[in-house]
mmCIF file of all heavy atoms, coordinates in Angstrom:
data_MODEL
# 
_entry.id   MODEL 
# 
loop_
_atom_site.group_PDB 
_atom_site.id 
_atom_site.type_symbol 
_atom_site.label_atom_id 
_atom_site.label_alt_id 
_atom_site.label_comp_id 
_atom_site.label_asym_id 
_atom_site.label_entity_id 
_atom_site.label_seq_id 
_atom_site.pdbx_PDB_ins_code 
_atom_site.Cartn_x 
_atom_site.Cartn_y 
_atom_site.Cartn_z 
_atom_site.occupancy 
_atom_site.B_iso_or_equiv 
_atom_site.pdbx_formal_charge 
_atom_site.auth_seq_id 
_atom_site.auth_comp_id 
_atom_site.auth_asym_id 
_atom_site.auth_atom_id 
_atom_site.pdbx_PDB_model_num 
ATOM 1   N N   . GLU A 1 1  ? 13.192  2.000  -1.044  1.00 0.00 ? 1  GLU A N   1 
ATOM 2   C CA  . GLU A 1 1  ? 12.408  1.178  -0.112  1.00 0.00 ? 1  GLU A CA  1 
ATOM 3   C C   . GLU A 1 1  ? 10.959  1.137  -0.583  1.00 0.00 ? 1  GLU A C   1 
ATOM 4   O O   . GLU A 1 1  ? 10.376  2.195  -0.872  1.00 0.00 ? 1  GLU A O   1 
ATOM 5   C CB  . GLU A 1 1  ? 12.484  1.808  1.277   1.00 0.00 ? 1  GLU A CB  1 
ATOM 6   C CG  . GLU A 1 1  ? 11.523  1.237  2.301   1.00 0.00 ? 1  GLU A CG  1 
ATOM 7   C CD  . GLU A 1 1  ? 11.386  2.105  3.539   1.00 0.00 ? 1  GLU A CD  1 
ATOM 8   O OE1 . GLU A 1 1  ? 11.692  3.313  3.465   1.00 0.00 ? 1  GLU A OE1 1 
ATOM 9   O OE2 . GLU A 1 1  ? 10.956  1.595  4.581   1.00 0.00 ? 1  GLU A OE2 1 
ATOM 10  N N   . GLY A 1 2  ? 10.392  -0.044 -0.664  1.00 0.00 ? 2  GLY A N   1 
ATOM 11  C CA  . GLY A 1 2  ? 8.989   -0.158 -1.035  1.00 0.00 ? 2  GLY A CA  1 
ATOM 12  C C   . GLY A 1 2  ? 8.090   0.379  0.065   1.00 0.00 ? 2  GLY A C   1 
ATOM 13  O O   . GLY A 1 2  ? 8.264   0.023  1.231   1.00 0.00 ? 2  GLY A O   1 
ATOM 14  N N   . VAL A 1 3  ? 7.143   1.220  -0.301  1.00 0.00 ? 3  VAL A N   1 
ATOM 15  C CA  . VAL A 1 3  ? 6.237   1.849  0.659   1.00 0.00 ? 3  VAL A CA  1 
ATOM 16  C C   . VAL A 1 3  ? 4.855   1.215  0.596   1.00 0.00 ? 3  VAL A C   1 
ATOM 17  O O   . VAL A 1 3  ? 4.272   0.853  1.606   1.00 0.00 ? 3  VAL A O   1 
ATOM 18  C CB  . VAL A 1 3  ? 6.151   3.357  0.380   1.00 0.00 ? 3  VAL A CB  1 
ATOM 19  C CG1 . VAL A 1 3  ? 5.093   4.009  1.264   1.00 0.00 ? 3  VAL A CG1 1 
ATOM 20  C CG2 . VAL A 1 3  ? 7.509   4.022  0.584   1.00 0.00 ? 3  VAL A CG2 1 
ATOM 21  N N   . SER A 1 4  ? 4.343   1.080  -0.626  1.00 0.00 ? 4  SER A N   1 
ATOM 22  C CA  . SER A 1 4  ? 2.997   0.543  -0.802  1.00 0.00 ? 4  SER A CA  1 
ATOM 23  C C   . SER A 1 4  ? 2.806   0.139  -2.250  1.00 0.00 ? 4  SER A C   1 
ATOM 24  O O   . SER A 1 4  ? 3.503   0.635  -3.140  1.00 0.00 ? 4  SER A O   1 
ATOM 25  C CB  . SER A 1 4  ? 1.952   1.606  -0.418  1.00 0.00 ? 4  SER A CB  1 
ATOM 26  O OG  . SER A 1 4  ? 0.632   1.104  -0.558  1.00 0.00 ? 4  SER A OG  1 
ATOM 27  N N   . CYS A 1 5  ? 1.867   -0.777 -2.484  1.00 0.00 ? 5  CYS A N   1 
ATOM 28  C CA  . CYS A 1 5  ? 1.539   -1.127 -3.861  1.00 0.00 ? 5  CYS A CA  1 
ATOM 29  C C   . CYS A 1 5  ? 0.054   -1.424 -3.969  1.00 0.00 ? 5  CYS A C   1 
ATOM 30  O O   . CYS A 1 5  ? -0.618  -1.703 -2.962  1.00 0.00 ? 5  CYS A O   1 
ATOM 31  C CB  . CYS A 1 5  ? 2.372   -2.300 -4.372  1.00 0.00 ? 5  CYS A CB  1 
ATOM 32  S SG  . CYS A 1 5  ? 2.081   -3.877 -3.547  1.00 0.00 ? 5  CYS A SG  1 
ATOM 33  N N   . ILE A 1 6  ? -0.436  -1.357 -5.211  1.00 0.00 ? 6  ILE A N   1 
ATOM 34  C CA  . ILE A 1 6  ? -1.848  -1.590 -5.471  1.00 0.00 ? 6  ILE A CA  1 
ATOM 35  C C   . ILE A 1 6  ? -1.993  -2.340 -6.781  1.00 0.00 ? 6  ILE A C   1 
ATOM 36  O O   . ILE A 1 6  ? -1.301  -2.042 -7.762  1.00 0.00 ? 6  ILE A O   1 
ATOM 37  C CB  . ILE A 1 6  ? -2.626  -0.255 -5.484  1.00 0.00 ? 6  ILE A CB  1 
ATOM 38  C CG1 . ILE A 1 6  ? -4.133  -0.494 -5.600  1.00 0.00 ? 6  ILE A CG1 1 
ATOM 39  C CG2 . ILE A 1 6  ? -2.129  0.662  -6.596  1.00 0.00 ? 6  ILE A CG2 1 
ATOM 40  C CD1 . ILE A 1 6  ? -4.964  0.762  -5.328  1.00 0.00 ? 6  ILE A CD1 1 
ATOM 41  N N   . GLY A 1 7  ? -2.863  -3.330 -6.810  1.00 0.00 ? 7  GLY A N   1 
ATOM 42  C CA  . GLY A 1 7  ? -3.075  -4.106 -8.015  1.00 0.00 ? 7  GLY A CA  1 
ATOM 43  C C   . GLY A 1 7  ? -3.772  -3.312 -9.101  1.00 0.00 ? 7  GLY A C   1 
ATOM 44  O O   . GLY A 1 7  ? -4.294  -2.224 -8.867  1.00 0.00 ? 7  GLY A O   1 
ATOM 45  N N   . SER A 1 8  ? -3.782  -3.867 -10.297 1.00 0.00 ? 8  SER A N   1 
ATOM 46  C CA  . SER A 1 8  ? -4.321  -3.161 -11.453 1.00 0.00 ? 8  SER A CA  1 
ATOM 47  C C   . SER A 1 8  ? -5.806  -2.863 -11.307 1.00 0.00 ? 8  SER A C   1 
ATOM 48  O O   . SER A 1 8  ? -6.301  -1.875 -11.863 1.00 0.00 ? 8  SER A O   1 
ATOM 49  C CB  . SER A 1 8  ? -4.090  -3.968 -12.739 1.00 0.00 ? 8  SER A CB  1 
ATOM 50  O OG  . SER A 1 8  ? -4.663  -5.264 -12.620 1.00 0.00 ? 8  SER A OG  1 
ATOM 51  N N   . ARG A 1 9  ? -6.515  -3.671 -10.555 1.00 0.00 ? 9  ARG A N   1 
ATOM 52  C CA  . ARG A 1 9  ? -7.938  -3.443 -10.340 1.00 0.00 ? 9  ARG A CA  1 
ATOM 53  C C   . ARG A 1 9  ? -8.204  -2.716 -9.030  1.00 0.00 ? 9  ARG A C   1 
ATOM 54  O O   . ARG A 1 9  ? -9.358  -2.473 -8.687  1.00 0.00 ? 9  ARG A O   1 
ATOM 55  C CB  . ARG A 1 9  ? -8.699  -4.770 -10.373 1.00 0.00 ? 9  ARG A CB  1 
ATOM 56  C CG  . ARG A 1 9  ? -8.566  -5.513 -11.706 1.00 0.00 ? 9  ARG A CG  1 
ATOM 57  C CD  . ARG A 1 9  ? -9.400  -6.757 -11.761 1.00 0.00 ? 9  ARG A CD  1 
ATOM 58  N NE  . ARG A 1 9  ? -8.996  -7.754 -10.773 1.00 0.00 ? 9  ARG A NE  1 
ATOM 59  C CZ  . ARG A 1 9  ? -9.123  -9.058 -10.939 1.00 0.00 ? 9  ARG A CZ  1 
ATOM 60  N NH1 . ARG A 1 9  ? -9.615  -9.530 -12.065 1.00 0.00 ? 9  ARG A NH1 1 
ATOM 61  N NH2 . ARG A 1 9  ? -8.765  -9.899 -9.994  1.00 0.00 ? 9  ARG A NH2 1 
ATOM 62  N N   . GLY A 1 10 ? -7.151  -2.416 -8.300  1.00 0.00 ? 10 GLY A N   1 
ATOM 63  C CA  . GLY A 1 10 ? -7.313  -1.684 -7.042  1.00 0.00 ? 10 GLY A CA  1 
ATOM 64  C C   . GLY A 1 10 ? -7.716  -2.538 -5.875  1.00 0.00 ? 10 GLY A C   1 
ATOM 65  O O   . GLY A 1 10 ? -8.084  -2.017 -4.814  1.00 0.00 ? 10 GLY A O   1 
ATOM 66  N N   . GLU A 1 11 ? -7.639  -3.869 -6.045  1.00 0.00 ? 11 GLU A N   1 
ATOM 67  C CA  . GLU A 1 11 ? -8.101  -4.750 -4.975  1.00 0.00 ? 11 GLU A CA  1 
ATOM 68  C C   . GLU A 1 11 ? -6.965  -5.228 -4.085  1.00 0.00 ? 11 GLU A C   1 
ATOM 69  O O   . GLU A 1 11 ? -7.112  -5.279 -2.859  1.00 0.00 ? 11 GLU A O   1 
ATOM 70  C CB  . GLU A 1 11 ? -8.818  -5.945 -5.609  1.00 0.00 ? 11 GLU A CB  1 
ATOM 71  C CG  . GLU A 1 11 ? -10.064 -5.551 -6.397  1.00 0.00 ? 11 GLU A CG  1 
ATOM 72  C CD  . GLU A 1 11 ? -10.613 -6.685 -7.227  1.00 0.00 ? 11 GLU A CD  1 
ATOM 73  O OE1 . GLU A 1 11 ? -9.995  -7.761 -7.285  1.00 0.00 ? 11 GLU A OE1 1 
ATOM 74  O OE2 . GLU A 1 11 ? -11.680 -6.495 -7.843  1.00 0.00 ? 11 GLU A OE2 1 
ATOM 75  N N   . GLY A 1 12 ? -5.840  -5.593 -4.666  1.00 0.00 ? 12 GLY A N   1 
ATOM 76  C CA  . GLY A 1 12 ? -4.707  -6.058 -3.882  1.00 0.00 ? 12 GLY A CA  1 
ATOM 77  C C   . GLY A 1 12 ? -3.860  -4.894 -3.437  1.00 0.00 ? 12 GLY A C   1 
ATOM 78  O O   . GLY A 1 12 ? -3.352  -4.132 -4.268  1.00 0.00 ? 12 GLY A O   1 
ATOM 79  N N   . ILE A 1 13 ? -3.727  -4.715 -2.136  1.00 0.00 ? 13 ILE A N   1 
ATOM 80  C CA  . ILE A 1 13 ? -2.979  -3.578 -1.584  1.00 0.00 ? 13 ILE A CA  1 
ATOM 81  C C   . ILE A 1 13 ? -2.040  -4.074 -0.498  1.00 0.00 ? 13 ILE A C   1 
ATOM 82  O O   . ILE A 1 13 ? -2.420  -4.918 0.322   1.00 0.00 ? 13 ILE A O   1 
ATOM 83  C CB  . ILE A 1 13 ? -3.945  -2.524 -1.001  1.00 0.00 ? 13 ILE A CB  1 
ATOM 84  C CG1 . ILE A 1 13 ? -4.704  -1.813 -2.143  1.00 0.00 ? 13 ILE A CG1 1 
ATOM 85  C CG2 . ILE A 1 13 ? -3.191  -1.508 -0.154  1.00 0.00 ? 13 ILE A CG2 1 
ATOM 86  C CD1 . ILE A 1 13 ? -5.748  -0.824 -1.662  1.00 0.00 ? 13 ILE A CD1 1 
ATOM 87  N N   . ASN A 1 14 ? -0.824  -3.538 -0.507  1.00 0.00 ? 14 ASN A N   1 
ATOM 88  C CA  . ASN A 1 14 ? 0.153   -3.840 0.540   1.00 0.00 ? 14 ASN A CA  1 
ATOM 89  C C   . ASN A 1 14 ? 0.809   -2.559 1.021   1.00 0.00 ? 14 ASN A C   1 
ATOM 90  O O   . ASN A 1 14 ? 0.954   -1.602 0.253   1.00 0.00 ? 14 ASN A O   1 
ATOM 91  C CB  . ASN A 1 14 ? 1.246   -4.784 0.004   1.00 0.00 ? 14 ASN A CB  1 
ATOM 92  C CG  . ASN A 1 14 ? 0.769   -6.224 -0.079  1.00 0.00 ? 14 ASN A CG  1 
ATOM 93  O OD1 . ASN A 1 14 ? 0.129   -6.725 0.838   1.00 0.00 ? 14 ASN A OD1 1 
ATOM 94  N ND2 . ASN A 1 14 ? 1.059   -6.882 -1.185  1.00 0.00 ? 14 ASN A ND2 1 
ATOM 95  N N   . TYR A 1 15 ? 1.243   -2.592 2.285   1.00 0.00 ? 15 TYR A N   1 
ATOM 96  C CA  . TYR A 1 15 ? 1.965   -1.469 2.872   1.00 0.00 ? 15 TYR A CA  1 
ATOM 97  C C   . TYR A 1 15 ? 3.196   -1.978 3.605   1.00 0.00 ? 15 TYR A C   1 
ATOM 98  O O   . TYR A 1 15 ? 3.177   -3.049 4.206   1.00 0.00 ? 15 TYR A O   1 
ATOM 99  C CB  . TYR A 1 15 ? 1.087   -0.717 3.882   1.00 0.00 ? 15 TYR A CB  1 
ATOM 100 C CG  . TYR A 1 15 ? -0.134  -0.063 3.293   1.00 0.00 ? 15 TYR A CG  1 
ATOM 101 C CD1 . TYR A 1 15 ? -1.385  -0.654 3.393   1.00 0.00 ? 15 TYR A CD1 1 
ATOM 102 C CD2 . TYR A 1 15 ? -0.038  1.168  2.640   1.00 0.00 ? 15 TYR A CD2 1 
ATOM 103 C CE1 . TYR A 1 15 ? -2.516  -0.058 2.857   1.00 0.00 ? 15 TYR A CE1 1 
ATOM 104 C CE2 . TYR A 1 15 ? -1.163  1.774  2.099   1.00 0.00 ? 15 TYR A CE2 1 
ATOM 105 C CZ  . TYR A 1 15 ? -2.390  1.153  2.212   1.00 0.00 ? 15 TYR A CZ  1 
ATOM 106 O OH  . TYR A 1 15 ? -3.504  1.750  1.674   1.00 0.00 ? 15 TYR A OH  1 
ATOM 107 N N   . ALA A 1 16 ? 4.244   -1.171 3.583   1.00 0.00 ? 16 ALA A N   1 
ATOM 108 C CA  . ALA A 1 16 ? 5.368   -1.432 4.461   1.00 0.00 ? 16 ALA A CA  1 
ATOM 109 C C   . ALA A 1 16 ? 4.910   -1.216 5.899   1.00 0.00 ? 16 ALA A C   1 
ATOM 110 O O   . ALA A 1 16 ? 4.055   -0.373 6.175   1.00 0.00 ? 16 ALA A O   1 
ATOM 111 C CB  . ALA A 1 16 ? 6.525   -0.491 4.126   1.00 0.00 ? 16 ALA A CB  1 
ATOM 112 N N   . ASP A 1 17 ? 5.495   -1.978 6.814   1.00 0.00 ? 17 ASP A N   1 
ATOM 113 C CA  . ASP A 1 17 ? 5.097   -1.858 8.221   1.00 0.00 ? 17 ASP A CA  1 
ATOM 114 C C   . ASP A 1 17 ? 5.270   -0.427 8.727   1.00 0.00 ? 17 ASP A C   1 
ATOM 115 O O   . ASP A 1 17 ? 4.501   0.036  9.568   1.00 0.00 ? 17 ASP A O   1 
ATOM 116 C CB  . ASP A 1 17 ? 5.921   -2.817 9.082   1.00 0.00 ? 17 ASP A CB  1 
ATOM 117 C CG  . ASP A 1 17 ? 5.527   -4.271 8.878   1.00 0.00 ? 17 ASP A CG  1 
ATOM 118 O OD1 . ASP A 1 17 ? 4.427   -4.521 8.327   1.00 0.00 ? 17 ASP A OD1 1 
ATOM 119 O OD2 . ASP A 1 17 ? 6.314   -5.153 9.262   1.00 0.00 ? 17 ASP A OD2 1 
ATOM 120 N N   . SER A 1 18 ? 6.266   0.258  8.223   1.00 0.00 ? 18 SER A N   1 
ATOM 121 C CA  . SER A 1 18 ? 6.591   1.601  8.710   1.00 0.00 ? 18 SER A CA  1 
ATOM 122 C C   . SER A 1 18 ? 5.518   2.641  8.374   1.00 0.00 ? 18 SER A C   1 
ATOM 123 O O   . SER A 1 18 ? 5.496   3.715  8.963   1.00 0.00 ? 18 SER A O   1 
ATOM 124 C CB  . SER A 1 18 ? 7.941   2.059  8.148   1.00 0.00 ? 18 SER A CB  1 
ATOM 125 O OG  . SER A 1 18 ? 7.910   2.052  6.731   1.00 0.00 ? 18 SER A OG  1 
ATOM 126 N N   . VAL A 1 19 ? 4.625   2.331  7.429   1.00 0.00 ? 19 VAL A N   1 
ATOM 127 C CA  . VAL A 1 19 ? 3.619   3.318  7.027   1.00 0.00 ? 19 VAL A CA  1 
ATOM 128 C C   . VAL A 1 19 ? 2.190   2.845  7.263   1.00 0.00 ? 19 VAL A C   1 
ATOM 129 O O   . VAL A 1 19 ? 1.238   3.592  7.022   1.00 0.00 ? 19 VAL A O   1 
ATOM 130 C CB  . VAL A 1 19 ? 3.787   3.724  5.549   1.00 0.00 ? 19 VAL A CB  1 
ATOM 131 C CG1 . VAL A 1 19 ? 5.215   4.200  5.288   1.00 0.00 ? 19 VAL A CG1 1 
ATOM 132 C CG2 . VAL A 1 19 ? 3.410   2.591  4.609   1.00 0.00 ? 19 VAL A CG2 1 
ATOM 133 N N   . LYS A 1 20 ? 2.021   1.602  7.723   1.00 0.00 ? 20 LYS A N   1 
ATOM 134 C CA  . LYS A 1 20 ? 0.672   1.078  7.954   1.00 0.00 ? 20 LYS A CA  1 
ATOM 135 C C   . LYS A 1 20 ? -0.091  1.965  8.932   1.00 0.00 ? 20 LYS A C   1 
ATOM 136 O O   . LYS A 1 20 ? 0.440   2.377  9.958   1.00 0.00 ? 20 LYS A O   1 
ATOM 137 C CB  . LYS A 1 20 ? 0.746   -0.347 8.496   1.00 0.00 ? 20 LYS A CB  1 
ATOM 138 C CG  . LYS A 1 20 ? 1.006   -1.397 7.439   1.00 0.00 ? 20 LYS A CG  1 
ATOM 139 C CD  . LYS A 1 20 ? 1.051   -2.792 8.032   1.00 0.00 ? 20 LYS A CD  1 
ATOM 140 C CE  . LYS A 1 20 ? 1.346   -3.834 6.961   1.00 0.00 ? 20 LYS A CE  1 
ATOM 141 N NZ  . LYS A 1 20 ? 1.494   -5.186 7.535   1.00 0.00 ? 20 LYS A NZ  1 
ATOM 142 N N   . GLY A 1 21 ? -1.321  2.258  8.581   1.00 0.00 ? 21 GLY A N   1 
ATOM 143 C CA  . GLY A 1 21 ? -2.153  3.094  9.429   1.00 0.00 ? 21 GLY A CA  1 
ATOM 144 C C   . GLY A 1 21 ? -1.976  4.581  9.178   1.00 0.00 ? 21 GLY A C   1 
ATOM 145 O O   . GLY A 1 21 ? -2.758  5.391  9.676   1.00 0.00 ? 21 GLY A O   1 
ATOM 146 N N   . ARG A 1 22 ? -0.951  4.956  8.423   1.00 0.00 ? 22 ARG A N   1 
ATOM 147 C CA  . ARG A 1 22 ? -0.712  6.381  8.131   1.00 0.00 ? 22 ARG A CA  1 
ATOM 148 C C   . ARG A 1 22 ? -0.861  6.702  6.653   1.00 0.00 ? 22 ARG A C   1 
ATOM 149 O O   . ARG A 1 22 ? -1.270  7.800  6.291   1.00 0.00 ? 22 ARG A O   1 
ATOM 150 C CB  . ARG A 1 22 ? 0.699   6.772  8.591   1.00 0.00 ? 22 ARG A CB  1 
ATOM 151 C CG  . ARG A 1 22 ? 0.950   6.579  10.063  1.00 0.00 ? 22 ARG A CG  1 
ATOM 152 C CD  . ARG A 1 22 ? 2.293   7.175  10.486  1.00 0.00 ? 22 ARG A CD  1 
ATOM 153 N NE  . ARG A 1 22 ? 3.425   6.542  9.820   1.00 0.00 ? 22 ARG A NE  1 
ATOM 154 C CZ  . ARG A 1 22 ? 4.284   7.191  9.035   1.00 0.00 ? 22 ARG A CZ  1 
ATOM 155 N NH1 . ARG A 1 22 ? 4.143   8.486  8.834   1.00 0.00 ? 22 ARG A NH1 1 
ATOM 156 N NH2 . ARG A 1 22 ? 5.296   6.548  8.476   1.00 0.00 ? 22 ARG A NH2 1 
ATOM 157 N N   . PHE A 1 23 ? -0.499  5.771  5.797   1.00 0.00 ? 23 PHE A N   1 
ATOM 158 C CA  . PHE A 1 23 ? -0.561  5.987  4.348   1.00 0.00 ? 23 PHE A CA  1 
ATOM 159 C C   . PHE A 1 23 ? -1.704  5.173  3.758   1.00 0.00 ? 23 PHE A C   1 
ATOM 160 O O   . PHE A 1 23 ? -1.995  4.060  4.217   1.00 0.00 ? 23 PHE A O   1 
ATOM 161 C CB  . PHE A 1 23 ? 0.742   5.550  3.683   1.00 0.00 ? 23 PHE A CB  1 
ATOM 162 C CG  . PHE A 1 23 ? 1.943   6.420  3.978   1.00 0.00 ? 23 PHE A CG  1 
ATOM 163 C CD1 . PHE A 1 23 ? 1.928   7.382  4.962   1.00 0.00 ? 23 PHE A CD1 1 
ATOM 164 C CD2 . PHE A 1 23 ? 3.100   6.271  3.227   1.00 0.00 ? 23 PHE A CD2 1 
ATOM 165 C CE1 . PHE A 1 23 ? 3.021   8.176  5.227   1.00 0.00 ? 23 PHE A CE1 1 
ATOM 166 C CE2 . PHE A 1 23 ? 4.216   7.051  3.464   1.00 0.00 ? 23 PHE A CE2 1 
ATOM 167 C CZ  . PHE A 1 23 ? 4.179   7.999  4.480   1.00 0.00 ? 23 PHE A CZ  1 
ATOM 168 N N   . THR A 1 24 ? -2.318  5.718  2.712   1.00 0.00 ? 24 THR A N   1 
ATOM 169 C CA  . THR A 1 24 ? -3.374  5.018  1.994   1.00 0.00 ? 24 THR A CA  1 
ATOM 170 C C   . THR A 1 24 ? -3.120  5.143  0.501   1.00 0.00 ? 24 THR A C   1 
ATOM 171 O O   . THR A 1 24 ? -2.993  6.253  -0.016  1.00 0.00 ? 24 THR A O   1 
ATOM 172 C CB  . THR A 1 24 ? -4.754  5.612  2.321   1.00 0.00 ? 24 THR A CB  1 
ATOM 173 O OG1 . THR A 1 24 ? -4.980  5.551  3.734   1.00 0.00 ? 24 THR A OG1 1 
ATOM 174 C CG2 . THR A 1 24 ? -5.847  4.833  1.598   1.00 0.00 ? 24 THR A CG2 1 
ATOM 175 N N   . ILE A 1 25 ? -3.061  4.002  -0.169  1.00 0.00 ? 25 ILE A N   1 
ATOM 176 C CA  . ILE A 1 25 ? -2.877  3.998  -1.611  1.00 0.00 ? 25 ILE A CA  1 
ATOM 177 C C   . ILE A 1 25 ? -4.228  3.765  -2.274  1.00 0.00 ? 25 ILE A C   1 
ATOM 178 O O   . ILE A 1 25 ? -5.080  3.035  -1.740  1.00 0.00 ? 25 ILE A O   1 
ATOM 179 C CB  . ILE A 1 25 ? -1.852  2.920  -2.037  1.00 0.00 ? 25 ILE A CB  1 
ATOM 180 C CG1 . ILE A 1 25 ? -1.421  3.106  -3.485  1.00 0.00 ? 25 ILE A CG1 1 
ATOM 181 C CG2 . ILE A 1 25 ? -2.395  1.522  -1.796  1.00 0.00 ? 25 ILE A CG2 1 
ATOM 182 C CD1 . ILE A 1 25 ? -0.222  2.237  -3.880  1.00 0.00 ? 25 ILE A CD1 1 
ATOM 183 N N   . SER A 1 26 ? -4.433  4.386  -3.416  1.00 0.00 ? 26 SER A N   1 
ATOM 184 C CA  . SER A 1 26 ? -5.674  4.209  -4.163  1.00 0.00 ? 26 SER A CA  1 
ATOM 185 C C   . SER A 1 26 ? -5.395  4.486  -5.632  1.00 0.00 ? 26 SER A C   1 
ATOM 186 O O   . SER A 1 26 ? -4.323  4.996  -5.982  1.00 0.00 ? 26 SER A O   1 
ATOM 187 C CB  . SER A 1 26 ? -6.766  5.143  -3.636  1.00 0.00 ? 26 SER A CB  1 
ATOM 188 O OG  . SER A 1 26 ? -6.401  6.501  -3.815  1.00 0.00 ? 26 SER A OG  1 
# 
């Protein structure tokens, strides 16, 4: 299951609804 992703420059970020507000990708 996809949890989160981040673009190569760190600007584009997405989260699965199930982890929004709890997980942070960097």
